Structure formats: structure tokens, C-alpha cells
Amino acid sequence: MFSRPLKICASLVCADLLHLERELRVLEAAGVDSIHIDVMDGQFVPNYCLSPDVMRAVRRASALPMDVHLMVVRPEQHLEAFVQAGADVLVVHQEATVHLQRTLARIRELGARAGVALNVATPLNTLNYVLEDIDLLLIMTVNPGFTGQKLVPATLRKIADARAMVDARGLPVDIQVDGNVSFETAPKMVRAGANWLVGGTSSLFNPKWSVAEGVQRLRQVAEEARTK
């Protein structure tokens, strides 16, 4: 279960975008593994967020990898733009694209790692015939669209089921979790099988502590969960 490396992904939407370069320097110094870019179109989720322009700004300022979460309808129409903007991992929602396998294959053709995200209520068996086309599986642990939500408890079982599913086929798939990844919930997520943690207002970007303290503590509780 714990053969995949642990990664801390900083949710850029929770950072101070007015001082983007400064925030990136802080995240680099804190040792985050990647920048998590949430893209919202106001249709798939009731909110708007980030764009290829922001990604290009991030790429000019930092060499940190970018994993990009497309919360948009018909994501297959936008793959080239986001890969060209610097996406290292491009994640599309199973619910948002009609021809999922074709979309995943195209992401890989463009040179990025291919990921699929599942909303809370979407069952894992919808991925039965595309698992070999996936590099990363993003399990939403809240309903997407807004920060500051509480964990949906049933998603912990879903993480465990996802890990069992990919391990049973011997696939090198990373499992990412996004939504209320806190110091209290992260150990449960890791024990269930997640190895990429998206840190937002619940852990990394909180006025009660510095980003560096948040990264250190999140990594610590996650690593401890992997060793116990």
C-alpha cells in the first residue's frame, strides 16, 4: 500500500495571488513537492478559478511541478492549452468528458501524466476499463468548487477501495486526495492508501501558523501514518 512516494501538493487557489512570486518562493523553501492548480469554469462547478495565464506566470517564477485539476465541462477541448502552459500532470473529471479513454490517451500523447478525478458520489467502477490509462487518481473528499469544506466521511472508504483496486492490478497509480486535508484527516487518508495530499486552508494556508510550519506538520503526520 505504501510503495508510492508521499507528496505534498500546495493548492494555489488558497495562496495570496496578489503576491504570487513571493508565495511560490515560500512554498519552494518549505519543501512542497508540487503546485496544485484548480481550474473552474463556472459550469462544472459553481465557481471560477485560475487559468493557463496563471500557470504561465507560475512557470516563469518557479520550477516546481504543476498538477492541474480541470473542473470544466468538455476538458478534451482544452488539453493542449494547459499542457503548453506547463502542466506536468493533467487531471480531468470522469463526469465531464464523454470519451474518457480518448482524453487520457491524448494527455499522454501531449507529454503530461494523465489523471482522473471522481466526485464524491461517483463510483470507482466507472474506471474499470481505463485504469491502465491512468497515472493519477484524484479522489475528491469534498464536493468540488469551494475551499473550507468538511470531509465527507464515506470518502475514506472510497480511498481504501481505490488503493485496493489499483494494487490488485499491479498498477503504479498515485492516489491524490483533495478537500479538508488537515492534520487530523490526513493520517486517515494516508492509512487508507492516499499518497498525494493537496494542502489548502486546512493545513498549509492558515493564519494560525506559517506555510513552512504547515508543510512540515502535514508531512510529519502523513509519514507517521505510513510507518504505523
Protein backbone atom coordinates (compact mmCIF):
# COMPACT_ATOMS: atom_id res chain seq x y z
CA MET A 1 0.00 0.00 0.00
CA PHE A 2 2.80 2.44 0.84
CA SER A 3 5.07 1.75 -2.14
CA ARG A 4 4.19 5.03 -3.87
CA PRO A 5 6.11 8.12 -2.68
CA LEU A 6 4.36 10.66 -0.46
CA LYS A 7 3.90 14.11 -1.98
CA ILE A 8 2.62 17.36 -0.54
CA CYS A 9 0.79 19.45 -3.14
CA ALA A 10 0.09 23.10 -2.35
CA SER A 11 -3.30 24.36 -3.53
CA LEU A 12 -2.51 27.61 -5.30
CA VAL A 13 -6.07 28.90 -5.07
CA CYS A 14 -5.52 29.23 -1.31
CA ALA A 15 -2.34 31.30 -1.70
CA ASP A 16 -2.05 35.09 -1.87
CA LEU A 17 -2.31 35.60 -5.64
CA LEU A 18 -1.58 39.32 -5.24
CA HIS A 19 1.94 38.29 -4.20
CA LEU A 20 2.25 35.16 -6.31
CA GLU A 21 6.02 35.10 -6.75
CA ARG A 22 6.60 35.62 -3.03
CA GLU A 23 4.19 32.79 -2.24
CA LEU A 24 5.99 30.48 -4.65
CA ARG A 25 9.33 31.25 -3.01
CA VAL A 26 7.83 30.43 0.38
CA LEU A 27 6.44 27.14 -0.92
CA GLU A 28 9.76 26.21 -2.50
CA ALA A 29 11.62 26.92 0.73
CA ALA A 30 9.05 24.92 2.68
CA GLY A 31 9.70 21.86 0.53
CA VAL A 32 6.36 21.26 -1.19
CA ASP A 33 6.51 18.68 -3.95
CA SER A 34 4.15 20.30 -6.44
CA ILE A 35 1.75 23.16 -7.06
CA HIS A 36 -1.88 22.10 -7.38
CA ILE A 37 -3.74 24.24 -9.90
CA ASP A 38 -7.55 24.25 -9.66
CA VAL A 39 -9.27 25.35 -12.86
CA MET A 40 -13.01 26.08 -12.67
CA ASP A 41 -15.28 27.25 -15.48
CA GLY A 42 -18.43 28.20 -13.56
CA GLN A 43 -20.34 25.37 -15.22
CA PHE A 44 -18.97 22.07 -13.96
CA VAL A 45 -18.71 23.69 -10.51
CA PRO A 46 -20.41 26.93 -9.39
CA ASN A 47 -17.21 28.95 -9.21
CA TYR A 48 -14.43 30.40 -11.37
CA CYS A 49 -10.74 29.84 -10.73
CA LEU A 50 -7.28 30.13 -12.33
CA SER A 51 -6.32 29.75 -15.98
CA PRO A 52 -3.41 28.95 -18.33
CA ASP A 53 -2.26 32.56 -17.88
CA VAL A 54 -1.75 31.97 -14.16
CA MET A 55 0.10 28.76 -14.94
CA ARG A 56 2.45 30.53 -17.31
CA ALA A 57 3.18 33.06 -14.58
CA VAL A 58 3.90 30.23 -12.14
CA ARG A 59 6.21 28.54 -14.63
CA ARG A 60 8.17 31.74 -15.18
CA ALA A 61 8.66 32.14 -11.44
CA SER A 62 9.19 28.55 -10.31
CA ALA A 63 10.41 25.14 -11.46
CA LEU A 64 8.04 23.29 -9.12
CA PRO A 65 5.92 20.67 -10.92
CA MET A 66 2.30 21.60 -11.56
CA ASP A 67 -0.56 19.16 -11.24
CA VAL A 68 -3.62 20.69 -12.85
CA HIS A 69 -7.17 19.77 -11.83
CA LEU A 70 -9.63 20.66 -14.60
CA MET A 71 -13.08 21.20 -13.13
CA VAL A 72 -14.52 22.14 -16.51
CA VAL A 73 -17.03 20.70 -18.96
CA ARG A 74 -15.58 19.11 -22.10
CA PRO A 75 -11.98 19.20 -20.83
CA GLU A 76 -10.81 17.46 -24.01
CA GLN A 77 -11.20 20.81 -25.77
CA HIS A 78 -8.55 22.44 -23.57
CA LEU A 79 -5.80 19.85 -23.09
CA GLU A 80 -3.25 21.41 -25.41
CA ALA A 81 -3.58 24.84 -23.81
CA PHE A 82 -2.87 23.55 -20.31
CA VAL A 83 -0.01 21.27 -21.30
CA GLN A 84 1.58 24.12 -23.26
CA ALA A 85 1.16 26.32 -20.17
CA GLY A 86 3.30 23.89 -18.16
CA ALA A 87 1.11 21.12 -16.72
CA ASP A 88 3.15 18.12 -15.62
CA VAL A 89 0.02 16.21 -14.57
CA LEU A 90 -3.36 16.96 -16.12
CA VAL A 91 -6.46 15.68 -14.31
CA VAL A 92 -9.90 15.55 -15.90
CA HIS A 93 -13.19 14.60 -14.28
CA GLN A 94 -14.80 11.33 -15.28
CA GLU A 95 -18.15 13.11 -15.11
CA ALA A 96 -17.12 15.89 -17.51
CA THR A 97 -15.89 14.06 -20.61
CA VAL A 98 -17.79 11.66 -22.83
CA HIS A 99 -14.82 9.73 -24.25
CA LEU A 100 -12.63 9.37 -21.17
CA GLN A 101 -10.14 6.86 -22.59
CA ARG A 102 -9.51 9.01 -25.65
CA THR A 103 -8.97 12.06 -23.43
CA LEU A 104 -6.48 10.24 -21.20
CA ALA A 105 -4.57 8.90 -24.20
CA ARG A 106 -4.36 12.39 -25.64
CA ILE A 107 -2.93 13.80 -22.40
CA ARG A 108 -0.13 11.26 -22.55
CA GLU A 109 0.45 11.98 -26.23
CA LEU A 110 0.96 15.62 -25.28
CA GLY A 111 3.68 14.62 -22.82
CA ALA A 112 1.90 15.01 -19.48
CA ARG A 113 0.88 12.40 -16.93
CA ALA A 114 -2.83 11.57 -17.14
CA GLY A 115 -5.15 11.80 -14.18
CA VAL A 116 -8.83 11.23 -13.46
CA ALA A 117 -10.85 12.88 -10.71
CA LEU A 118 -14.01 11.42 -9.20
CA ASN A 119 -16.66 13.42 -7.39
CA VAL A 120 -17.84 12.14 -4.03
CA ALA A 121 -20.85 10.24 -5.39
CA THR A 122 -19.17 8.80 -8.50
CA PRO A 123 -18.42 5.08 -8.08
CA LEU A 124 -14.98 3.63 -8.72
CA ASN A 125 -16.26 1.03 -11.15
CA THR A 126 -16.69 3.73 -13.80
CA LEU A 127 -12.90 3.43 -14.23
CA ASN A 128 -12.74 -0.34 -14.69
CA TYR A 129 -11.75 -0.14 -18.34
CA VAL A 130 -9.41 2.86 -18.22
CA LEU A 131 -7.23 2.07 -15.21
CA GLU A 132 -4.27 1.23 -17.43
CA ASP A 133 -4.55 4.71 -18.96
CA ILE A 134 -4.29 6.49 -15.59
CA ASP A 135 -1.17 7.75 -13.83
CA LEU A 136 -3.02 9.51 -11.01
CA LEU A 137 -6.45 9.05 -9.46
CA LEU A 138 -7.85 12.07 -7.61
CA ILE A 139 -10.46 11.19 -5.01
CA MET A 140 -12.49 14.26 -4.10
CA THR A 141 -13.09 14.19 -0.35
CA VAL A 142 -15.48 17.15 -0.55
CA ASN A 143 -17.84 18.31 -3.27
CA PRO A 144 -15.69 20.46 -5.57
CA GLY A 145 -15.99 24.17 -6.08
CA PHE A 146 -15.17 25.88 -2.78
CA THR A 147 -12.47 25.86 -0.10
CA GLY A 148 -13.07 25.41 3.61
CA GLN A 149 -15.44 22.43 3.43
CA LYS A 150 -15.60 19.46 5.80
CA LEU A 151 -14.52 15.95 4.87
CA VAL A 152 -17.25 13.63 3.59
CA PRO A 153 -16.56 10.58 5.82
CA ALA A 154 -17.54 7.96 3.23
CA THR A 155 -14.65 9.07 1.03
CA LEU A 156 -12.17 7.42 3.39
CA ARG A 157 -13.64 4.05 2.44
CA LYS A 158 -13.53 5.13 -1.19
CA ILE A 159 -9.78 5.87 -0.93
CA ALA A 160 -9.18 2.41 0.53
CA ASP A 161 -11.25 0.78 -2.20
CA ALA A 162 -9.36 2.74 -4.86
CA ARG A 163 -5.99 1.68 -3.49
CA ALA A 164 -7.10 -1.95 -3.37
CA MET A 165 -8.37 -1.73 -6.94
CA VAL A 166 -5.18 -0.37 -8.49
CA ASP A 167 -2.89 -2.55 -6.36
CA ALA A 168 -4.83 -5.67 -7.35
CA ARG A 169 -3.84 -4.98 -10.95
CA GLY A 170 -0.27 -4.09 -10.05
CA LEU A 171 -0.59 -0.59 -11.49
CA PRO A 172 1.77 2.26 -10.48
CA VAL A 173 -1.09 4.71 -9.88
CA ASP A 174 -0.76 7.56 -7.40
CA ILE A 175 -3.86 8.39 -5.37
CA GLN A 176 -4.39 12.07 -4.66
CA VAL A 177 -6.89 13.48 -2.17
CA ASP A 178 -8.35 16.98 -2.26
CA GLY A 179 -10.68 18.54 0.29
CA ASN A 180 -10.22 19.23 4.02
CA VAL A 181 -6.76 17.65 4.11
CA SER A 182 -5.95 18.64 7.68
CA PHE A 183 -3.50 17.41 10.30
CA GLU A 184 -6.36 15.33 11.73
CA THR A 185 -7.76 13.89 8.49
CA ALA A 186 -4.52 13.39 6.54
CA PRO A 187 -3.34 10.38 8.60
CA LYS A 188 -6.68 8.65 7.96
CA MET A 189 -6.38 9.38 4.24
CA VAL A 190 -2.82 8.07 4.12
CA ARG A 191 -3.67 4.91 6.04
CA ALA A 192 -6.48 4.32 3.54
CA GLY A 193 -3.99 4.50 0.68
CA ALA A 194 -3.59 8.10 -0.49
CA ASN A 195 -0.04 9.28 -1.23
CA TRP A 196 -0.57 12.74 -2.79
CA LEU A 197 -2.06 15.24 -0.36
CA VAL A 198 -3.48 18.58 -1.56
CA GLY A 199 -2.96 21.06 1.25
CA GLY A 200 -5.15 24.16 1.41
CA THR A 201 -6.71 26.23 4.17
CA SER A 202 -6.96 23.21 6.49
CA SER A 203 -3.20 22.75 6.67
CA LEU A 204 -0.78 24.84 4.59
CA PHE A 205 -2.51 28.20 4.23
CA ASN A 206 -3.78 29.04 7.68
CA PRO A 207 -3.16 32.34 9.53
CA LYS A 208 -2.53 30.43 12.76
CA TRP A 209 0.84 29.17 11.51
CA SER A 210 3.34 29.76 8.72
CA VAL A 211 3.32 27.87 5.43
CA ALA A 212 6.62 26.26 6.39
CA GLU A 213 5.14 25.03 9.67
CA GLY A 214 2.08 23.74 7.83
CA VAL A 215 4.12 21.81 5.28
CA GLN A 216 6.38 20.33 7.95
CA ARG A 217 3.50 19.25 10.16
CA LEU A 218 1.42 17.80 7.30
CA ARG A 219 4.38 15.79 6.05
CA GLN A 220 5.16 14.63 9.59
CA VAL A 221 1.66 13.34 10.40
CA ALA A 222 1.44 11.70 6.97
CA GLU A 223 4.79 9.94 7.28
CA GLU A 224 3.92 8.77 10.78
CA ALA A 225 0.68 7.30 9.44
CA ARG A 226 2.64 5.38 6.81
CA THR A 227 5.00 3.84 9.38
CA LYS A 228 2.45 2.81 11.99
